[in-house]
Amino acid sequence: MTRALTRETDKETGTMTFDAVRGVQAGDEFYSAMVSFKTIAEHFKFDDPSIADDQRAQRRIRESRIPELSNYIIQNPDDYVFSSITVSVGGKMTFHPTPGLGDLGRTGTLIISMDAPLLINDGQHRCAAIKDVYSKNKDFQNEKISVVFFLDVGLKRSQQMFADLNKHAVKPTKSLGLLYDHRDTYARFIVNLAKDVEVFNGRTEMERASIAARSKNFFTLNGIADATRYLLKLNTRSIPAEKQKLAIEFWEAVSQNMPDWQLLLDKSTKVTPTELRENYVHAYTNILNALGLAGHVLITQHGDWKNMLKNLRTIPWERTDPVWQGKIMIDNVMQKNKIGIKKAADFILLKCGSKITIDEFEKQEKSK
């Protein structure tokens, strides 16, 4: 790892100096600069944890998040990505435009007193991870991250900045996270699974966690991912080839024994995914999860699990059937919780001819 060193701090003058770009937002100047990991680790401070909540301008650090973030950088030194950090400077901050651009020049040099408090408005967990990385490996000392500097005008303003920066943030859906994650082996496996299983292919919502009312899709990518975790009970991110093959075989076998799903493959029928979602429970992720959970037991306990899955045809999948009340339906409203999924899986196991419940199976597995 080759990193060219630059000097950002000067102990003699007691200042930090950065090449920066000046902008104006809501009538006030702000500055964007590239700052090294070394400077962030040594000079960016966090709120004192002893300060009362109403006197803080940031949430408390969740220490459990730091190792995951720092490991992400260390394990991906050539292609990690961190977004900008936002700080408020509670002291002297001077901007000198590049010579020749005049007083209104937008590029130049930003000088900040090393004694000035730097309050992190957004990105304190990123900063904590950077500090952790720097402490473990000095090769990262001159890695850079963009930092946006505002002038600190008091606690009230800083608290409002935190609220404004976070309340409009939209976290990507789990489906989209799976679709775009090229590092995670399981994510790539699930994206491929959605293409390899015929009934999933072209009928899976790849971006959203739910399905729009008139969508042609019948499954969600995150639903397939959750259900397949129940099926394979993976303890690591590595997925053996035989497990991948098993997942395809299982979902194909389930599909072949779900007449309503087969209608989706029959181009001669006029049944739409919308109609099936309105009338049947098997259109919902919790039933997909129950099928995965029941499938794990069938595969573990029974060599003829494929033959047992033929009994899926005997299950009354209509939403109105009373068998689902108290499991995944309460007052005809679909519920999603682990207890309901277990109850639905127990019913599926019973109908498929298995004589063991999920709780009994889990107890049996723990005793091994």
Protein backbone atom coordinates (compact mmCIF):
# COMPACT_ATOMS: atom_id res chain seq x y z
CA MET A 1 0.00 0.00 0.00
CA THR A 2 1.66 3.25 -1.16
CA ARG A 3 0.44 6.50 0.36
CA ALA A 4 2.12 9.85 -0.35
CA LEU A 5 2.35 11.85 2.86
CA THR A 6 1.12 15.43 3.15
CA ARG A 7 1.43 17.85 6.03
CA GLU A 8 -1.82 19.20 7.44
CA THR A 9 -0.87 20.22 10.97
CA ASP A 10 1.74 22.66 12.21
CA LYS A 11 2.49 22.52 15.95
CA GLU A 12 4.54 25.71 15.82
CA THR A 13 1.63 27.81 14.57
CA GLY A 14 -0.98 25.61 16.24
CA THR A 15 -2.99 25.31 13.03
CA MET A 16 -4.39 22.77 10.59
CA THR A 17 -4.26 23.66 6.90
CA PHE A 18 -6.30 22.11 4.09
CA ASP A 19 -6.82 22.74 0.39
CA ALA A 20 -10.51 23.55 0.28
CA VAL A 21 -13.46 24.72 -1.78
CA ARG A 22 -15.68 27.50 -0.41
CA GLY A 23 -19.43 27.57 -0.81
CA VAL A 24 -22.46 29.42 0.52
CA GLN A 25 -25.48 27.65 1.96
CA ALA A 26 -28.45 29.43 3.55
CA GLY A 27 -26.44 32.63 3.54
CA ASP A 28 -23.45 31.21 5.44
CA GLU A 29 -20.06 30.11 4.16
CA PHE A 30 -18.93 26.51 4.46
CA TYR A 31 -15.86 24.67 3.23
CA SER A 32 -15.18 21.24 1.77
CA ALA A 33 -11.72 19.72 2.15
CA MET A 34 -9.86 16.41 1.93
CA VAL A 35 -8.62 15.39 5.40
CA SER A 36 -6.22 12.57 6.23
CA PHE A 37 -7.04 9.68 8.55
CA LYS A 38 -4.11 10.79 10.73
CA THR A 39 -5.60 14.24 11.30
CA ILE A 40 -9.05 12.86 11.95
CA ALA A 41 -7.71 10.29 14.42
CA GLU A 42 -5.60 12.84 16.31
CA HIS A 43 -7.73 15.99 16.24
CA PHE A 44 -11.42 15.17 15.70
CA LYS A 45 -13.08 14.80 19.10
CA PHE A 46 -16.33 13.19 20.18
CA ASP A 47 -18.93 14.41 22.64
CA ASP A 48 -18.22 13.65 26.28
CA PRO A 49 -20.45 10.63 27.14
CA SER A 50 -21.13 12.14 30.56
CA ILE A 51 -23.00 15.09 29.00
CA ALA A 52 -26.78 15.00 29.45
CA ASP A 53 -28.75 14.02 26.34
CA ASP A 54 -30.40 17.43 25.95
CA GLN A 55 -26.97 19.10 26.05
CA ARG A 56 -25.49 16.92 23.31
CA ALA A 57 -25.34 17.65 19.59
CA GLN A 58 -24.81 14.02 18.54
CA ARG A 59 -26.10 10.58 19.38
CA ARG A 60 -23.98 8.45 21.69
CA ILE A 61 -21.39 6.27 19.99
CA ARG A 62 -22.47 2.66 19.56
CA GLU A 63 -19.19 0.85 20.11
CA SER A 64 -20.54 -2.34 18.52
CA ARG A 65 -20.62 -0.63 15.12
CA ILE A 66 -16.95 0.32 15.08
CA PRO A 67 -15.28 -3.08 14.39
CA GLU A 68 -17.50 -3.77 11.39
CA LEU A 69 -16.74 -0.37 9.85
CA SER A 70 -13.00 -0.49 10.52
CA ASN A 71 -12.73 -4.07 9.24
CA TYR A 72 -14.51 -2.97 6.09
CA ILE A 73 -11.72 -0.46 5.39
CA ILE A 74 -8.85 -2.78 6.37
CA GLN A 75 -10.20 -5.69 4.30
CA ASN A 76 -10.92 -3.52 1.26
CA PRO A 77 -7.99 -1.08 1.13
CA ASP A 78 -8.26 -0.50 -2.61
CA ASP A 79 -12.00 -0.09 -3.07
CA TYR A 80 -13.73 0.93 0.19
CA VAL A 81 -16.08 3.94 0.04
CA PHE A 82 -16.93 6.39 2.84
CA SER A 83 -19.16 9.41 2.35
CA SER A 84 -18.36 12.92 3.63
CA ILE A 85 -18.18 13.86 7.29
CA THR A 86 -19.80 17.08 8.52
CA VAL A 87 -18.31 19.07 11.41
CA SER A 88 -18.88 22.37 13.15
CA VAL A 89 -15.77 24.37 14.05
CA GLY A 90 -16.03 26.09 17.42
CA GLY A 91 -13.09 28.44 16.94
CA LYS A 92 -11.12 30.50 14.47
CA MET A 93 -11.43 29.41 10.85
CA THR A 94 -9.82 31.41 8.03
CA PHE A 95 -10.08 30.91 4.29
CA HIS A 96 -7.45 32.31 1.89
CA PRO A 97 -8.50 32.21 -1.79
CA THR A 98 -5.98 30.93 -4.31
CA PRO A 99 -3.77 33.84 -5.48
CA GLY A 100 -5.15 35.44 -8.61
CA LEU A 101 -8.78 34.53 -7.93
CA GLY A 102 -9.57 37.56 -5.80
CA ASP A 103 -11.36 37.80 -2.47
CA LEU A 104 -14.37 35.92 -3.81
CA GLY A 105 -12.36 32.97 -5.13
CA ARG A 106 -13.92 29.62 -4.35
CA THR A 107 -10.78 27.51 -4.13
CA GLY A 108 -8.01 28.16 -1.65
CA THR A 109 -6.57 27.25 1.72
CA LEU A 110 -8.59 26.70 4.89
CA ILE A 111 -6.76 27.31 8.17
CA ILE A 112 -8.26 26.10 11.47
CA SER A 113 -6.81 26.49 14.93
CA MET A 114 -5.78 23.15 16.44
CA ASP A 115 -7.38 24.32 19.68
CA ALA A 116 -10.76 24.85 18.01
CA PRO A 117 -13.33 22.24 19.10
CA LEU A 118 -14.49 20.17 16.10
CA LEU A 119 -18.00 18.89 16.70
CA ILE A 120 -18.98 16.02 14.43
CA ASN A 121 -22.51 16.69 13.18
CA ASP A 122 -22.68 13.71 10.85
CA GLY A 123 -20.31 10.73 10.60
CA GLN A 124 -19.07 10.15 14.13
CA HIS A 125 -19.12 6.36 13.66
CA ARG A 126 -17.10 6.78 10.47
CA CYS A 127 -14.64 8.94 12.40
CA ALA A 128 -14.42 6.39 15.20
CA ALA A 129 -13.75 3.64 12.65
CA ILE A 130 -11.05 5.76 10.98
CA LYS A 131 -9.42 6.29 14.38
CA ASP A 132 -9.52 2.53 14.98
CA VAL A 133 -7.99 1.82 11.57
CA TYR A 134 -5.23 4.39 12.17
CA SER A 135 -4.39 2.86 15.54
CA LYS A 136 -4.04 -0.59 13.97
CA ASN A 137 -2.26 0.25 10.75
CA LYS A 138 -0.33 3.47 10.15
CA ASP A 139 -0.19 2.67 6.42
CA PHE A 140 -3.63 4.25 6.29
CA GLN A 141 -2.49 7.51 7.88
CA ASN A 142 -2.72 9.57 4.71
CA GLU A 143 -5.88 8.07 3.30
CA LYS A 144 -8.30 10.93 2.74
CA ILE A 145 -11.99 11.52 3.31
CA SER A 146 -13.97 14.61 2.40
CA VAL A 147 -15.02 16.79 5.33
CA VAL A 148 -17.51 19.65 5.21
CA PHE A 149 -16.71 22.39 7.74
CA PHE A 150 -19.33 24.77 9.14
CA LEU A 151 -18.82 27.49 11.72
CA ASP A 152 -20.22 26.40 15.09
CA VAL A 153 -22.74 28.99 16.26
CA GLY A 154 -23.97 27.17 19.36
CA LEU A 155 -25.61 24.03 20.69
CA LYS A 156 -29.09 24.81 19.35
CA ARG A 157 -27.79 25.19 15.81
CA SER A 158 -25.64 22.07 16.06
CA GLN A 159 -28.56 20.00 17.33
CA GLN A 160 -30.71 21.29 14.48
CA MET A 161 -28.00 20.40 11.97
CA PHE A 162 -27.93 16.85 13.29
CA ALA A 163 -31.72 16.59 13.03
CA ASP A 164 -31.80 18.06 9.52
CA LEU A 165 -28.97 15.86 8.24
CA ASN A 166 -30.59 12.66 9.50
CA LYS A 167 -34.35 13.03 9.24
CA HIS A 168 -34.35 13.18 5.46
CA ALA A 169 -31.94 10.28 4.99
CA VAL A 170 -33.49 7.22 3.37
CA LYS A 171 -31.91 3.87 4.11
CA PRO A 172 -31.79 1.57 1.07
CA THR A 173 -34.14 -1.39 1.16
CA LYS A 174 -32.79 -4.80 2.05
CA SER A 175 -33.57 -6.00 -1.49
CA LEU A 176 -31.55 -3.18 -3.05
CA GLY A 177 -28.70 -3.80 -0.61
CA LEU A 178 -28.58 -7.44 -1.75
CA LEU A 179 -28.78 -6.51 -5.42
CA TYR A 180 -25.90 -4.04 -5.30
CA ASP A 181 -23.58 -5.81 -2.82
CA HIS A 182 -20.83 -7.47 -4.85
CA ARG A 183 -18.66 -8.29 -1.84
CA ASP A 184 -21.16 -10.41 0.05
CA THR A 185 -21.15 -14.01 -1.20
CA TYR A 186 -24.65 -14.67 0.07
CA ALA A 187 -26.03 -11.59 -1.67
CA ARG A 188 -24.58 -12.71 -5.02
CA PHE A 189 -25.94 -16.21 -4.42
CA ILE A 190 -29.45 -14.89 -3.77
CA VAL A 191 -29.43 -12.65 -6.85
CA ASN A 192 -28.42 -15.67 -8.93
CA LEU A 193 -30.98 -17.88 -7.18
CA ALA A 194 -33.72 -15.44 -8.20
CA LYS A 195 -32.68 -16.09 -11.80
CA ASP A 196 -32.01 -19.84 -11.54
CA VAL A 197 -35.38 -20.85 -10.05
CA GLU A 198 -37.93 -20.59 -12.83
CA VAL A 199 -40.82 -19.20 -10.80
CA PHE A 200 -38.59 -16.54 -9.23
CA ASN A 201 -37.07 -15.46 -12.54
CA GLY A 202 -38.72 -12.27 -13.82
CA ARG A 203 -41.24 -12.29 -10.96
CA THR A 204 -39.02 -10.97 -8.18
CA GLU A 205 -39.01 -7.36 -6.94
CA MET A 206 -35.28 -6.65 -6.92
CA GLU A 207 -35.27 -3.17 -5.36
CA ARG A 208 -38.15 -2.75 -2.93
CA ALA A 209 -38.95 -4.67 0.25
CA SER A 210 -42.64 -4.78 -0.68
CA ILE A 211 -44.60 -5.20 -3.88
CA ALA A 212 -46.73 -2.48 -5.46
CA ALA A 213 -50.43 -3.30 -5.87
CA ARG A 214 -50.36 -3.76 -9.65
CA SER A 215 -46.83 -5.10 -9.95
CA LYS A 216 -46.12 -8.11 -12.14
CA ASN A 217 -43.81 -9.35 -9.37
CA PHE A 218 -44.82 -12.01 -6.89
CA PHE A 219 -41.73 -12.34 -4.67
CA THR A 220 -39.21 -9.91 -3.17
CA LEU A 221 -35.47 -10.43 -3.25
CA ASN A 222 -35.21 -9.91 0.51
CA GLY A 223 -38.05 -12.40 1.03
CA ILE A 224 -36.18 -15.05 -0.97
CA ALA A 225 -33.00 -14.23 0.98
CA ASP A 226 -34.68 -14.59 4.39
CA ALA A 227 -36.50 -17.79 3.44
CA THR A 228 -33.32 -19.36 2.06
CA ARG A 229 -31.46 -18.52 5.27
CA TYR A 230 -34.15 -20.47 7.15
CA LEU A 231 -33.71 -23.31 4.67
CA LEU A 232 -29.91 -23.61 4.70
CA LYS A 233 -29.17 -22.39 8.26
CA LEU A 234 -25.86 -20.94 7.11
CA ASN A 235 -23.37 -20.01 9.84
CA THR A 236 -20.89 -18.30 7.53
CA ARG A 237 -20.98 -16.11 4.44
CA SER A 238 -19.36 -18.93 2.46
CA ILE A 239 -21.90 -21.05 0.61
CA PRO A 240 -20.73 -24.53 -0.47
CA ALA A 241 -21.71 -25.53 -4.00
CA GLU A 242 -23.85 -28.39 -2.67
CA LYS A 243 -25.84 -25.92 -0.55
CA GLN A 244 -26.44 -23.70 -3.56
CA LYS A 245 -27.63 -26.69 -5.56
CA LEU A 246 -29.86 -27.80 -2.67
CA ALA A 247 -31.54 -24.39 -2.49
CA ILE A 248 -32.36 -24.47 -6.20
CA GLU A 249 -33.71 -28.04 -5.93
CA PHE A 250 -35.83 -27.16 -2.92
CA TRP A 251 -37.49 -24.06 -4.36
CA GLU A 252 -38.07 -25.82 -7.68
CA ALA A 253 -39.71 -28.71 -5.83
CA VAL A 254 -41.87 -26.30 -3.82
CA SER A 255 -42.89 -24.48 -6.99
CA GLN A 256 -43.87 -27.67 -8.74
CA ASN A 257 -46.22 -28.50 -5.88
CA MET A 258 -47.86 -25.08 -5.63
CA PRO A 259 -50.55 -25.09 -8.34
CA ASP A 260 -51.12 -21.35 -7.96
CA TRP A 261 -47.44 -20.64 -8.57
CA GLN A 262 -47.59 -22.83 -11.66
CA LEU A 263 -50.32 -20.58 -13.01
CA LEU A 264 -47.74 -17.80 -13.10
CA LEU A 265 -45.66 -19.93 -15.48
CA ASP A 266 -48.59 -20.85 -17.70
CA LYS A 267 -48.84 -18.17 -20.38
CA SER A 268 -52.27 -19.44 -21.42
CA THR A 269 -53.87 -18.44 -18.12
CA LYS A 270 -55.02 -14.93 -17.26
CA VAL A 271 -54.26 -15.15 -13.57
CA THR A 272 -52.19 -12.18 -12.42
CA PRO A 273 -49.77 -11.90 -9.48
CA THR A 274 -52.06 -9.20 -8.09
CA GLU A 275 -54.99 -11.62 -7.90
CA LEU A 276 -52.90 -14.26 -6.18
CA ARG A 277 -51.55 -11.75 -3.65
CA GLU A 278 -55.08 -10.64 -2.84
CA ASN A 279 -56.41 -14.13 -2.25
CA TYR A 280 -53.62 -16.40 -1.02
CA VAL A 281 -51.18 -16.42 1.91
CA HIS A 282 -48.42 -18.09 -0.08
CA ALA A 283 -47.84 -14.74 -1.78
CA TYR A 284 -46.31 -13.30 1.39
CA THR A 285 -42.76 -13.40 2.78
CA ASN A 286 -43.80 -14.92 6.11
CA ILE A 287 -45.15 -18.02 4.34
CA LEU A 288 -42.03 -18.15 2.19
CA ASN A 289 -40.04 -18.06 5.45
CA ALA A 290 -42.23 -20.82 6.91
CA LEU A 291 -41.62 -22.94 3.82
CA GLY A 292 -37.87 -22.43 4.22
CA LEU A 293 -38.00 -23.28 7.93
CA ALA A 294 -40.11 -26.38 7.33
CA GLY A 295 -37.87 -27.33 4.42
CA HIS A 296 -34.80 -27.36 6.65
CA VAL A 297 -36.50 -29.85 8.97
CA LEU A 298 -37.74 -32.04 6.11
CA ILE A 299 -34.33 -32.16 4.46
CA THR A 300 -32.56 -32.87 7.77
CA GLN A 301 -35.02 -35.49 9.00
CA HIS A 302 -36.31 -37.17 5.85
CA GLY A 303 -34.47 -38.58 2.85
CA ASP A 304 -37.66 -38.51 0.76
CA TRP A 305 -38.35 -34.80 1.39
CA LYS A 306 -39.09 -34.14 -2.27
CA ASN A 307 -41.86 -36.70 -2.23
CA MET A 308 -43.22 -35.25 1.05
CA LEU A 309 -43.42 -31.80 -0.54
CA LYS A 310 -46.11 -33.12 -2.87
CA ASN A 311 -48.45 -32.73 0.11
CA LEU A 312 -48.18 -28.95 -0.28
CA ARG A 313 -50.99 -29.43 -2.80
CA THR A 314 -53.35 -30.42 0.02
CA ILE A 315 -52.83 -27.22 2.04
CA PRO A 316 -55.64 -24.63 1.93
CA TRP A 317 -53.64 -21.53 1.00
CA GLU A 318 -56.63 -19.14 0.81
CA ARG A 319 -56.31 -16.11 3.07
CA THR A 320 -59.86 -16.70 4.28
CA ASP A 321 -59.18 -20.23 5.52
CA PRO A 322 -59.42 -20.31 9.34
CA VAL A 323 -56.29 -22.47 9.61
CA TRP A 324 -54.14 -19.32 9.22
CA GLN A 325 -55.89 -17.36 11.96
CA GLY A 326 -53.70 -17.10 15.03
CA LYS A 327 -50.65 -18.06 12.99
CA ILE A 328 -49.89 -15.47 10.37
CA MET A 329 -53.34 -13.88 10.31
CA ILE A 330 -55.00 -11.99 13.14
CA ASP A 331 -58.47 -10.61 12.42
CA ASN A 332 -57.75 -11.26 8.73
CA VAL A 333 -54.71 -8.96 8.83
CA MET A 334 -51.38 -10.46 7.79
CA GLN A 335 -48.79 -10.52 10.58
CA LYS A 336 -45.06 -11.03 10.40
CA ASN A 337 -43.32 -12.37 13.48
CA LYS A 338 -41.16 -15.35 14.32
CA ILE A 339 -43.81 -17.06 16.43
CA GLY A 340 -46.32 -16.89 13.58
CA ILE A 341 -43.74 -18.19 11.12
CA LYS A 342 -43.00 -21.12 13.43
CA LYS A 343 -46.69 -21.94 13.77
CA ALA A 344 -47.14 -21.83 10.01
CA ALA A 345 -44.05 -24.03 9.54
CA ASP A 346 -45.43 -26.55 12.06
CA PHE A 347 -48.67 -26.74 10.06
CA ILE A 348 -46.75 -27.22 6.81
CA LEU A 349 -44.66 -29.98 8.40
CA LEU A 350 -47.78 -31.71 9.70
CA LYS A 351 -49.46 -31.63 6.30
CA CYS A 352 -46.29 -32.92 4.64
CA GLY A 353 -46.26 -35.95 6.94
CA SER A 354 -43.55 -34.98 9.43
CA LYS A 355 -44.18 -35.83 13.06
CA ILE A 356 -41.81 -33.27 14.60
CA THR A 357 -42.48 -29.61 15.41
CA ILE A 358 -40.00 -26.77 14.97
CA ASP A 359 -39.46 -26.45 18.73
CA GLU A 360 -38.88 -30.20 19.08
CA PHE A 361 -36.44 -30.15 16.17
CA GLU A 362 -34.50 -27.19 17.56
CA LYS A 363 -34.31 -28.81 20.99
CA GLN A 364 -33.09 -32.01 19.39
CA GLU A 365 -30.41 -30.13 17.41
CA LYS A 366 -29.15 -28.31 20.51
CA SER A 367 -28.73 -31.59 22.38
CA LYS A 368 -26.40 -32.99 19.73
